[in-house]
Amino acid sequence: MSENRDEYIKARIKGIEESISKTKRFRKGIFSRFTKAITEYDLIQPGDHIAVCISGGKDSMLMAKLFQELKKHRKFPFELTFLVMDPGYADRNRKRIEENAEIMGIPLTIFESDIFDAVYTIEKSPCYLCARMRRGHLYSKAKELGCNKIALGHHFDDVIETNLMAMLWGAQIQTMMPKLHSTNFEGMELIRPMYLVREEDIIAWRDYNDLHFLQCACRFTESISKEVDTEESLSKRKETKELIKKLKETNPNVEMNIFNSMHNVNLSTVLAYKKDGVVHPFTEFYDNDKKINDKDINDN
């Protein structure tokens, strides 16, 4: 029985790895975009020790496999630790993460926290608080393990949804950056190597390999009756996702247009910008900048 199990695991690992390296759709749509983001945004340097943060969902589990594939073809040395924080998962959810890691060949480093207990009684924005606490715990543990970076699994769709949400509900132009220096953990950096990978390709890869990942293992949403809309189903992110989907019906380029807009900000046509917490209105530089004229504006 043990031998059969070992052979099954080996076969599963091989199939999953070959789906990334040899299947044209996933190599082009996933691995190539993963490596492009790393190169384009300069996310990894020689000698880095990266904590690949795994939540148990499809995005972070795929990211772990992509990092393993990248290391096989590495052009310079770097180290990986596959880090899982258990914030208080139900036993079945933690078991699901461990079983998926086994059949994917991912060696986990697991540590525990009491985040779910801490936010369970919070009525206002428990998900926001949970996310902030998770990140702090991950930074702390990663630094303790000798890592200088943490990698999160946010993908292309997360990025464009965040861009649009910031405008529609936050009244600001702001994007989810591909990398950030930590303000609270000196020498630590956050990177998002899945930045250019589309969610539809991640879902297709998951289904191709018949993998079943965690959706949301939060105790808050688990405790709510199925007849009642959860915070997730009422979230602004879901509304934004549906809006983009609707716009795509008449404009197939809408997703790339949202993404590219963050690369094409025309400072000559913004009313104000904020730098280091200080707001600079256009009137501050209007008279000294003769380049601000009606040629910059498309009135059509």
C-alpha atoms as a PDB file:
ATOM      1  CA  MET A   1       0.000   0.000   0.000  1.00  0.00           C
ATOM      2  CA  SER A   2       2.839   2.382   0.905  1.00  0.00           C
ATOM      3  CA  GLU A   3       4.639   1.663  -2.370  1.00  0.00           C
ATOM      4  CA  ASN A   4       1.473   2.318  -4.346  1.00  0.00           C
ATOM      5  CA  ARG A   5       1.039   5.626  -2.530  1.00  0.00           C
ATOM      6  CA  ASP A   6       4.625   6.637  -3.276  1.00  0.00           C
ATOM      7  CA  GLU A   7       4.211   5.825  -6.963  1.00  0.00           C
ATOM      8  CA  TYR A   8       0.957   7.796  -7.081  1.00  0.00           C
ATOM      9  CA  ILE A   9       2.620  10.840  -5.535  1.00  0.00           C
ATOM     10  CA  LYS A  10       5.564  10.662  -7.926  1.00  0.00           C
ATOM     11  CA  ALA A  11       3.219  10.421 -10.906  1.00  0.00           C
ATOM     12  CA  ARG A  12       1.137  13.370  -9.699  1.00  0.00           C
ATOM     13  CA  ILE A  13       4.200  15.549  -9.148  1.00  0.00           C
ATOM     14  CA  LYS A  14       5.569  14.688 -12.579  1.00  0.00           C
ATOM     15  CA  GLY A  15       2.262  15.438 -14.297  1.00  0.00           C
ATOM     16  CA  ILE A  16       1.846  18.771 -12.541  1.00  0.00           C
ATOM     17  CA  GLU A  17       5.392  19.849 -13.330  1.00  0.00           C
ATOM     18  CA  GLU A  18       5.104  18.810 -16.974  1.00  0.00           C
ATOM     19  CA  SER A  19       1.852  20.738 -17.311  1.00  0.00           C
ATOM     20  CA  ILE A  20       3.869  23.887 -16.579  1.00  0.00           C
ATOM     21  CA  SER A  21       7.004  23.086 -18.527  1.00  0.00           C
ATOM     22  CA  LYS A  22       5.660  21.162 -21.537  1.00  0.00           C
ATOM     23  CA  THR A  23       2.011  22.112 -22.091  1.00  0.00           C
ATOM     24  CA  LYS A  24       2.072  24.988 -24.596  1.00  0.00           C
ATOM     25  CA  ARG A  25      -0.873  26.918 -23.143  1.00  0.00           C
ATOM     26  CA  PHE A  26       0.437  26.913 -19.584  1.00  0.00           C
ATOM     27  CA  ARG A  27       4.081  27.435 -20.456  1.00  0.00           C
ATOM     28  CA  LYS A  28       3.163  30.465 -22.556  1.00  0.00           C
ATOM     29  CA  GLY A  29       0.248  31.799 -20.528  1.00  0.00           C
ATOM     30  CA  ILE A  30       1.611  31.103 -17.062  1.00  0.00           C
ATOM     31  CA  PHE A  31       5.340  30.350 -16.798  1.00  0.00           C
ATOM     32  CA  SER A  32       6.451  32.839 -19.445  1.00  0.00           C
ATOM     33  CA  ARG A  33       4.360  35.601 -17.870  1.00  0.00           C
ATOM     34  CA  PHE A  34       5.731  34.674 -14.450  1.00  0.00           C
ATOM     35  CA  THR A  35       9.325  35.019 -15.656  1.00  0.00           C
ATOM     36  CA  LYS A  36       8.471  38.191 -17.600  1.00  0.00           C
ATOM     37  CA  ALA A  37       7.175  39.878 -14.436  1.00  0.00           C
ATOM     38  CA  ILE A  38      10.312  38.870 -12.542  1.00  0.00           C
ATOM     39  CA  THR A  39      12.508  40.338 -15.283  1.00  0.00           C
ATOM     40  CA  GLU A  40      10.435  43.415 -16.105  1.00  0.00           C
ATOM     41  CA  TYR A  41       9.993  44.503 -12.499  1.00  0.00           C
ATOM     42  CA  ASP A  42      13.399  43.249 -11.288  1.00  0.00           C
ATOM     43  CA  LEU A  43      11.867  41.102  -8.538  1.00  0.00           C
ATOM     44  CA  ILE A  44      14.744  38.703  -7.780  1.00  0.00           C
ATOM     45  CA  GLN A  45      18.460  39.330  -7.321  1.00  0.00           C
ATOM     46  CA  PRO A  46      21.364  36.905  -6.781  1.00  0.00           C
ATOM     47  CA  GLY A  47      21.521  35.696  -3.183  1.00  0.00           C
ATOM     48  CA  ASP A  48      17.875  36.404  -2.373  1.00  0.00           C
ATOM     49  CA  HIS A  49      16.124  34.139   0.113  1.00  0.00           C
ATOM     50  CA  ILE A  50      12.437  34.296  -0.723  1.00  0.00           C
ATOM     51  CA  ALA A  51       9.596  33.213   1.542  1.00  0.00           C
ATOM     52  CA  VAL A  52       6.957  31.946  -0.898  1.00  0.00           C
ATOM     53  CA  CYS A  53       3.790  32.574   1.099  1.00  0.00           C
ATOM     54  CA  ILE A  54       1.161  29.873   0.648  1.00  0.00           C
ATOM     55  CA  SER A  55      -2.424  30.373   1.779  1.00  0.00           C
ATOM     56  CA  GLY A  56      -3.728  27.125   0.327  1.00  0.00           C
ATOM     57  CA  GLY A  57      -5.554  28.717  -2.589  1.00  0.00           C
ATOM     58  CA  LYS A  58      -4.904  28.135  -6.296  1.00  0.00           C
ATOM     59  CA  ASP A  59      -2.810  31.275  -6.808  1.00  0.00           C
ATOM     60  CA  SER A  60      -0.219  30.737  -4.094  1.00  0.00           C
ATOM     61  CA  MET A  61       0.052  26.986  -4.705  1.00  0.00           C
ATOM     62  CA  LEU A  62       0.736  27.565  -8.404  1.00  0.00           C
ATOM     63  CA  MET A  63       3.234  30.297  -7.513  1.00  0.00           C
ATOM     64  CA  ALA A  64       5.161  27.774  -5.431  1.00  0.00           C
ATOM     65  CA  LYS A  65       5.431  25.377  -8.386  1.00  0.00           C
ATOM     66  CA  LEU A  66       6.502  28.202 -10.685  1.00  0.00           C
ATOM     67  CA  PHE A  67       9.284  29.131  -8.286  1.00  0.00           C
ATOM     68  CA  GLN A  68      10.431  25.518  -8.228  1.00  0.00           C
ATOM     69  CA  GLU A  69      10.445  25.455 -12.030  1.00  0.00           C
ATOM     70  CA  LEU A  70      12.332  28.757 -12.128  1.00  0.00           C
ATOM     71  CA  LYS A  71      15.003  27.409  -9.805  1.00  0.00           C
ATOM     72  CA  LYS A  72      15.618  24.453 -12.131  1.00  0.00           C
ATOM     73  CA  HIS A  73      16.575  26.930 -14.853  1.00  0.00           C
ATOM     74  CA  ARG A  74      18.064  29.611 -12.623  1.00  0.00           C
ATOM     75  CA  LYS A  75      20.674  31.923 -14.059  1.00  0.00           C
ATOM     76  CA  PHE A  76      21.847  32.937 -10.582  1.00  0.00           C
ATOM     77  CA  PRO A  77      21.576  31.484  -7.060  1.00  0.00           C
ATOM     78  CA  PHE A  78      18.605  32.185  -4.801  1.00  0.00           C
ATOM     79  CA  GLU A  79      16.894  30.271  -2.000  1.00  0.00           C
ATOM     80  CA  LEU A  80      13.247  29.428  -1.367  1.00  0.00           C
ATOM     81  CA  THR A  81      11.231  28.697   1.756  1.00  0.00           C
ATOM     82  CA  PHE A  82       7.613  27.667   1.199  1.00  0.00           C
ATOM     83  CA  LEU A  83       5.930  29.350   4.126  1.00  0.00           C
ATOM     84  CA  VAL A  84       2.447  28.564   5.415  1.00  0.00           C
ATOM     85  CA  MET A  85       0.888  30.426   8.300  1.00  0.00           C
ATOM     86  CA  ASP A  86      -1.941  28.583  10.024  1.00  0.00           C
ATOM     87  CA  PRO A  87      -4.091  31.431  11.413  1.00  0.00           C
ATOM     88  CA  GLY A  88      -6.486  28.985  13.036  1.00  0.00           C
ATOM     89  CA  TYR A  89      -7.665  26.781  10.181  1.00  0.00           C
ATOM     90  CA  ALA A  90     -10.218  24.065  10.759  1.00  0.00           C
ATOM     91  CA  ASP A  91      -8.457  20.683  10.780  1.00  0.00           C
ATOM     92  CA  ARG A  92      -9.902  19.740   7.386  1.00  0.00           C
ATOM     93  CA  ASN A  93      -8.563  22.904   5.780  1.00  0.00           C
ATOM     94  CA  ARG A  94      -5.056  22.484   7.128  1.00  0.00           C
ATOM     95  CA  LYS A  95      -5.126  18.859   5.992  1.00  0.00           C
ATOM     96  CA  ARG A  96      -6.177  19.968   2.504  1.00  0.00           C
ATOM     97  CA  ILE A  97      -3.160  22.295   2.291  1.00  0.00           C
ATOM     98  CA  GLU A  98      -0.787  19.562   3.445  1.00  0.00           C
ATOM     99  CA  GLU A  99      -2.243  16.977   1.036  1.00  0.00           C
ATOM    100  CA  ASN A 100      -2.064  19.344  -1.921  1.00  0.00           C
ATOM    101  CA  ALA A 101       1.532  20.225  -1.074  1.00  0.00           C
ATOM    102  CA  GLU A 102       2.400  16.522  -0.992  1.00  0.00           C
ATOM    103  CA  ILE A 103       0.957  15.722  -4.420  1.00  0.00           C
ATOM    104  CA  MET A 104       2.579  18.869  -5.828  1.00  0.00           C
ATOM    105  CA  GLY A 105       5.990  18.161  -4.312  1.00  0.00           C
ATOM    106  CA  ILE A 106       6.146  21.344  -2.251  1.00  0.00           C
ATOM    107  CA  PRO A 107       8.055  21.097   1.068  1.00  0.00           C
ATOM    108  CA  LEU A 108       6.164  23.275   3.544  1.00  0.00           C
ATOM    109  CA  THR A 109       7.362  25.250   6.528  1.00  0.00           C
ATOM    110  CA  ILE A 110       4.268  25.743   8.713  1.00  0.00           C
ATOM    111  CA  PHE A 111       3.891  28.032  11.698  1.00  0.00           C
ATOM    112  CA  GLU A 112       0.823  28.877  13.736  1.00  0.00           C
ATOM    113  CA  SER A 113      -0.864  32.079  14.856  1.00  0.00           C
ATOM    114  CA  ASP A 114      -4.163  33.042  16.494  1.00  0.00           C
ATOM    115  CA  ILE A 115      -5.289  35.604  13.908  1.00  0.00           C
ATOM    116  CA  PHE A 116      -8.723  34.065  13.356  1.00  0.00           C
ATOM    117  CA  ASP A 117      -9.420  34.267  17.091  1.00  0.00           C
ATOM    118  CA  ALA A 118      -8.235  37.884  17.156  1.00  0.00           C
ATOM    119  CA  VAL A 119     -10.504  39.103  14.347  1.00  0.00           C
ATOM    120  CA  TYR A 120     -13.513  36.821  14.886  1.00  0.00           C
ATOM    121  CA  THR A 121     -15.370  39.316  17.079  1.00  0.00           C
ATOM    122  CA  ILE A 122     -14.470  42.343  14.950  1.00  0.00           C
ATOM    123  CA  GLU A 123     -17.618  43.628  13.243  1.00  0.00           C
ATOM    124  CA  LYS A 124     -16.135  46.281  10.954  1.00  0.00           C
ATOM    125  CA  SER A 125     -13.735  45.168   8.174  1.00  0.00           C
ATOM    126  CA  PRO A 126     -12.522  41.880   9.718  1.00  0.00           C
ATOM    127  CA  CYS A 127     -11.066  40.807   6.353  1.00  0.00           C
ATOM    128  CA  TYR A 128      -8.982  43.979   6.089  1.00  0.00           C
ATOM    129  CA  LEU A 129      -7.639  43.569   9.612  1.00  0.00           C
ATOM    130  CA  CYS A 130      -6.982  39.865   9.031  1.00  0.00           C
ATOM    131  CA  ALA A 131      -4.988  40.608   5.855  1.00  0.00           C
ATOM    132  CA  ARG A 132      -2.833  43.198   7.621  1.00  0.00           C
ATOM    133  CA  MET A 133      -2.155  40.889  10.550  1.00  0.00           C
ATOM    134  CA  ARG A 134      -1.333  37.986   8.232  1.00  0.00           C
ATOM    135  CA  ARG A 135       1.219  40.068   6.372  1.00  0.00           C
ATOM    136  CA  GLY A 136       2.858  41.202   9.597  1.00  0.00           C
ATOM    137  CA  HIS A 137       3.167  37.628  10.848  1.00  0.00           C
ATOM    138  CA  LEU A 138       4.567  36.484   7.496  1.00  0.00           C
ATOM    139  CA  TYR A 139       7.172  39.256   7.434  1.00  0.00           C
ATOM    140  CA  SER A 140       8.198  38.459  11.010  1.00  0.00           C
ATOM    141  CA  LYS A 141       8.541  34.703  10.455  1.00  0.00           C
ATOM    142  CA  ALA A 142      10.260  35.134   7.104  1.00  0.00           C
ATOM    143  CA  LYS A 143      12.840  37.459   8.634  1.00  0.00           C
ATOM    144  CA  GLU A 144      13.351  35.012  11.506  1.00  0.00           C
ATOM    145  CA  LEU A 145      14.096  32.298   8.907  1.00  0.00           C
ATOM    146  CA  GLY A 146      16.685  34.468   7.183  1.00  0.00           C
ATOM    147  CA  CYS A 147      14.549  35.575   4.225  1.00  0.00           C
ATOM    148  CA  ASN A 148      14.845  39.043   2.727  1.00  0.00           C
ATOM    149  CA  LYS A 149      11.676  38.879   0.614  1.00  0.00           C
ATOM    150  CA  ILE A 150       8.147  37.532   0.824  1.00  0.00           C
ATOM    151  CA  ALA A 151       6.280  36.569  -2.354  1.00  0.00           C
ATOM    152  CA  LEU A 152       2.496  36.875  -2.535  1.00  0.00           C
ATOM    153  CA  GLY A 153       0.272  35.306  -5.190  1.00  0.00           C
ATOM    154  CA  HIS A 154      -1.682  38.330  -6.442  1.00  0.00           C
ATOM    155  CA  HIS A 155      -2.309  37.976 -10.179  1.00  0.00           C
ATOM    156  CA  PHE A 156      -3.191  40.231 -13.131  1.00  0.00           C
ATOM    157  CA  ASP A 157      -6.917  40.263 -12.356  1.00  0.00           C
ATOM    158  CA  ASP A 158      -6.236  41.295  -8.749  1.00  0.00           C
ATOM    159  CA  VAL A 159      -4.166  44.192 -10.079  1.00  0.00           C
ATOM    160  CA  ILE A 160      -6.719  45.629 -12.503  1.00  0.00           C
ATOM    161  CA  GLU A 161      -9.571  45.136 -10.024  1.00  0.00           C
ATOM    162  CA  THR A 162      -7.570  47.045  -7.410  1.00  0.00           C
ATOM    163  CA  ASN A 163      -6.909  49.848  -9.922  1.00  0.00           C
ATOM    164  CA  LEU A 164     -10.594  50.257 -10.681  1.00  0.00           C
ATOM    165  CA  MET A 165     -11.712  49.872  -7.060  1.00  0.00           C
ATOM    166  CA  ALA A 166      -9.375  52.671  -6.013  1.00  0.00           C
ATOM    167  CA  MET A 167     -11.102  55.017  -8.452  1.00  0.00           C
ATOM    168  CA  LEU A 168     -14.712  53.939  -7.963  1.00  0.00           C
ATOM    169  CA  TRP A 169     -14.737  53.507  -4.187  1.00  0.00           C
ATOM    170  CA  GLY A 170     -11.495  55.026  -2.928  1.00  0.00           C
ATOM    171  CA  ALA A 171     -11.576  58.276  -4.923  1.00  0.00           C
ATOM    172  CA  GLN A 172      -7.931  57.898  -5.849  1.00  0.00           C
ATOM    173  CA  ILE A 173      -5.689  56.593  -8.602  1.00  0.00           C
ATOM    174  CA  GLN A 174      -3.645  53.846  -7.036  1.00  0.00           C
ATOM    175  CA  THR A 175      -2.356  50.459  -8.114  1.00  0.00           C
ATOM    176  CA  MET A 176      -1.183  47.233  -6.492  1.00  0.00           C
ATOM    177  CA  MET A 177       2.583  47.516  -6.940  1.00  0.00           C
ATOM    178  CA  PRO A 178       4.704  44.566  -8.165  1.00  0.00           C
ATOM    179  CA  LYS A 179       7.138  45.140  -5.306  1.00  0.00           C
ATOM    180  CA  LEU A 180       7.292  47.171  -2.105  1.00  0.00           C
ATOM    181  CA  HIS A 181       9.821  47.871   0.615  1.00  0.00           C
ATOM    182  CA  SER A 182       8.494  46.985   4.068  1.00  0.00           C
ATOM    183  CA  THR A 183       8.020  49.980   6.342  1.00  0.00           C
ATOM    184  CA  ASN A 184       8.006  47.927   9.547  1.00  0.00           C
ATOM    185  CA  PHE A 185      10.591  45.229   8.812  1.00  0.00           C
ATOM    186  CA  GLU A 186      13.917  46.733   7.801  1.00  0.00           C
ATOM    187  CA  GLY A 187      15.588  45.035   4.866  1.00  0.00           C
ATOM    188  CA  MET A 188      12.453  43.114   3.891  1.00  0.00           C
ATOM    189  CA  GLU A 189      10.650  43.436   0.581  1.00  0.00           C
ATOM    190  CA  LEU A 190       7.318  42.194  -0.801  1.00  0.00           C
ATOM    191  CA  ILE A 191       7.190  40.903  -4.385  1.00  0.00           C
ATOM    192  CA  ARG A 192       4.287  39.810  -6.610  1.00  0.00           C
ATOM    193  CA  PRO A 193       5.697  37.562  -9.369  1.00  0.00           C
ATOM    194  CA  MET A 194       2.204  36.485 -10.554  1.00  0.00           C
ATOM    195  CA  TYR A 195       1.567  40.093 -11.606  1.00  0.00           C
ATOM    196  CA  LEU A 196       1.099  39.309 -15.321  1.00  0.00           C
ATOM    197  CA  VAL A 197      -0.619  35.914 -14.991  1.00  0.00           C
ATOM    198  CA  ARG A 198      -4.332  35.839 -15.869  1.00  0.00           C
ATOM    199  CA  GLU A 199      -6.763  34.216 -13.451  1.00  0.00           C
ATOM    200  CA  GLU A 200      -8.494  32.324 -16.271  1.00  0.00           C
ATOM    201  CA  ASP A 201      -5.210  30.551 -17.036  1.00  0.00           C
ATOM    202  CA  ILE A 202      -4.710  29.686 -13.356  1.00  0.00           C
ATOM    203  CA  ILE A 203      -8.193  28.175 -13.210  1.00  0.00           C
ATOM    204  CA  ALA A 204      -7.590  26.222 -16.431  1.00  0.00           C
ATOM    205  CA  TRP A 205      -4.291  24.869 -15.041  1.00  0.00           C
ATOM    206  CA  ARG A 206      -5.984  23.862 -11.774  1.00  0.00           C
ATOM    207  CA  ASP A 207      -8.761  22.015 -13.577  1.00  0.00           C
ATOM    208  CA  TYR A 208      -6.367  20.391 -16.062  1.00  0.00           C
ATOM    209  CA  ASN A 209      -4.509  18.825 -13.123  1.00  0.00           C
ATOM    210  CA  ASP A 210      -7.717  17.985 -11.207  1.00  0.00           C
ATOM    211  CA  LEU A 211      -6.522  19.938  -8.178  1.00  0.00           C
ATOM    212  CA  HIS A 212      -8.859  21.106  -5.415  1.00  0.00           C
ATOM    213  CA  PHE A 213      -7.627  24.056  -3.404  1.00  0.00           C
ATOM    214  CA  LEU A 214      -9.086  26.078  -0.555  1.00  0.00           C
ATOM    215  CA  GLN A 215     -11.524  28.810  -1.544  1.00  0.00           C
ATOM    216  CA  CYS A 216     -11.949  30.762   1.670  1.00  0.00           C
ATOM    217  CA  ALA A 217     -11.037  29.064   4.935  1.00  0.00           C
ATOM    218  CA  CYS A 218     -11.990  32.039   7.063  1.00  0.00           C
ATOM    219  CA  ARG A 219     -13.904  31.170  10.222  1.00  0.00           C
ATOM    220  CA  PHE A 220     -15.981  34.348   9.814  1.00  0.00           C
ATOM    221  CA  THR A 221     -17.490  33.320   6.472  1.00  0.00           C
ATOM    222  CA  GLU A 222     -17.817  29.685   7.543  1.00  0.00           C
ATOM    223  CA  SER A 223     -19.985  30.727  10.476  1.00  0.00           C
ATOM    224  CA  ILE A 224     -22.572  32.557   8.365  1.00  0.00           C
ATOM    225  CA  SER A 225     -25.690  30.765   7.161  1.00  0.00           C
ATOM    226  CA  LYS A 226     -25.642  29.779   3.489  1.00  0.00           C
ATOM    227  CA  GLU A 227     -28.912  31.682   3.058  1.00  0.00           C
ATOM    228  CA  VAL A 228     -27.201  34.926   3.975  1.00  0.00           C
ATOM    229  CA  ASP A 229     -24.794  36.727   1.679  1.00  0.00           C
ATOM    230  CA  THR A 230     -21.266  36.579   3.069  1.00  0.00           C
ATOM    231  CA  GLU A 231     -18.934  39.526   3.209  1.00  0.00           C
ATOM    232  CA  GLU A 232     -17.115  38.075   0.222  1.00  0.00           C
ATOM    233  CA  SER A 233     -20.239  37.940  -1.952  1.00  0.00           C
ATOM    234  CA  LEU A 234     -21.059  41.539  -1.040  1.00  0.00           C
ATOM    235  CA  SER A 235     -17.520  42.807  -1.483  1.00  0.00           C
ATOM    236  CA  LYS A 236     -16.582  45.660  -3.747  1.00  0.00           C
ATOM    237  CA  ARG A 237     -13.998  43.394  -5.375  1.00  0.00           C
ATOM    238  CA  LYS A 238     -16.702  41.050  -6.592  1.00  0.00           C
ATOM    239  CA  GLU A 239     -18.743  43.959  -7.905  1.00  0.00           C
ATOM    240  CA  THR A 240     -15.678  45.264  -9.712  1.00  0.00           C
ATOM    241  CA  LYS A 241     -14.943  41.852 -11.200  1.00  0.00           C
ATOM    242  CA  GLU A 242     -18.496  41.682 -12.546  1.00  0.00           C
ATOM    243  CA  LEU A 243     -18.226  45.216 -13.930  1.00  0.00           C
ATOM    244  CA  ILE A 244     -15.044  44.381 -15.848  1.00  0.00           C
ATOM    245  CA  LYS A 245     -16.659  41.215 -17.180  1.00  0.00           C
ATOM    246  CA  LYS A 246     -19.622  43.241 -18.426  1.00  0.00           C
ATOM    247  CA  LEU A 247     -17.431  45.884 -20.057  1.00  0.00           C
ATOM    248  CA  LYS A 248     -15.415  43.167 -21.777  1.00  0.00           C
ATOM    249  CA  GLU A 249     -18.518  42.100 -23.706  1.00  0.00           C
ATOM    250  CA  THR A 250     -18.317  45.275 -25.794  1.00  0.00           C
ATOM    251  CA  ASN A 251     -14.599  46.025 -25.385  1.00  0.00           C
ATOM    252  CA  PRO A 252     -12.331  42.951 -25.461  1.00  0.00           C
ATOM    253  CA  ASN A 253      -9.320  45.137 -24.618  1.00  0.00           C
ATOM    254  CA  VAL A 254     -10.757  46.613 -21.436  1.00  0.00           C
ATOM    255  CA  GLU A 255      -8.585  44.537 -19.082  1.00  0.00           C
ATOM    256  CA  MET A 256      -5.309  45.519 -20.768  1.00  0.00           C
ATOM    257  CA  ASN A 257      -6.497  49.110 -21.040  1.00  0.00           C
ATOM    258  CA  ILE A 258      -7.031  49.280 -17.269  1.00  0.00           C
ATOM    259  CA  PHE A 259      -3.642  47.668 -16.673  1.00  0.00           C
ATOM    260  CA  ASN A 260      -1.793  49.884 -19.164  1.00  0.00           C
ATOM    261  CA  SER A 261      -3.419  53.031 -17.792  1.00  0.00           C
ATOM    262  CA  MET A 262      -1.222  52.701 -14.720  1.00  0.00           C
ATOM    263  CA  HIS A 263       1.832  52.753 -17.009  1.00  0.00           C
ATOM    264  CA  ASN A 264       0.628  55.819 -18.938  1.00  0.00           C
ATOM    265  CA  VAL A 265      -0.212  58.451 -16.330  1.00  0.00           C
ATOM    266  CA  ASN A 266       0.039  61.917 -17.917  1.00  0.00           C
ATOM    267  CA  LEU A 267       1.021  64.235 -15.084  1.00  0.00           C
ATOM    268  CA  SER A 268       0.224  67.238 -17.245  1.00  0.00           C
ATOM    269  CA  THR A 269      -3.469  66.364 -17.108  1.00  0.00           C
ATOM    270  CA  VAL A 270      -4.031  65.431 -13.467  1.00  0.00           C
ATOM    271  CA  LEU A 271      -5.583  67.848 -10.986  1.00  0.00           C
ATOM    272  CA  ALA A 272      -3.279  66.794  -8.177  1.00  0.00           C
ATOM    273  CA  TYR A 273      -0.827  64.121  -7.150  1.00  0.00           C
ATOM    274  CA  LYS A 274       0.364  62.934  -3.775  1.00  0.00           C
ATOM    275  CA  LYS A 275       4.017  62.269  -2.938  1.00  0.00           C
ATOM    276  CA  ASP A 276       5.194  61.138   0.505  1.00  0.00           C
ATOM    277  CA  GLY A 277       1.850  62.126   1.983  1.00  0.00           C
ATOM    278  CA  VAL A 278       1.949  65.663   0.561  1.00  0.00           C
ATOM    279  CA  VAL A 279      -0.687  66.749  -1.971  1.00  0.00           C
ATOM    280  CA  HIS A 280       0.547  68.820  -4.921  1.00  0.00           C
ATOM    281  CA  PRO A 281      -2.324  70.487  -6.878  1.00  0.00           C
ATOM    282  CA  PHE A 282      -1.773  71.404 -10.520  1.00  0.00           C
ATOM    283  CA  THR A 283      -2.017  75.100  -9.604  1.00  0.00           C
ATOM    284  CA  GLU A 284       1.270  74.682  -7.763  1.00  0.00           C
ATOM    285  CA  PHE A 285       3.186  74.265 -11.016  1.00  0.00           C
ATOM    286  CA  TYR A 286       0.731  75.522 -13.640  1.00  0.00           C
ATOM    287  CA  ASP A 287       2.285  78.944 -14.375  1.00  0.00           C
ATOM    288  CA  ASN A 288       5.828  77.562 -14.397  1.00  0.00           C
ATOM    289  CA  ASP A 289       5.051  74.652 -16.681  1.00  0.00           C
ATOM    290  CA  LYS A 290       4.243  75.984 -20.133  1.00  0.00           C
ATOM    291  CA  LYS A 291       3.859  72.399 -21.387  1.00  0.00           C
ATOM    292  CA  ILE A 292       0.396  72.331 -19.797  1.00  0.00           C
ATOM    293  CA  ASN A 293      -1.782  73.445 -22.685  1.00  0.00           C
ATOM    294  CA  ASP A 294      -4.755  72.367 -24.706  1.00  0.00           C
ATOM    295  CA  LYS A 295      -2.607  69.984 -26.796  1.00  0.00           C
ATOM    296  CA  ASP A 296      -2.471  67.626 -23.811  1.00  0.00           C
ATOM    297  CA  ILE A 297      -6.234  67.217 -23.685  1.00  0.00           C
ATOM    298  CA  ASN A 298      -8.443  65.234 -26.014  1.00  0.00           C
ATOM    299  CA  ASP A 299     -11.814  67.017 -26.019  1.00  0.00           C
ATOM    300  CA  ASN A 300     -13.470  64.617 -28.449  1.00  0.00           C
END
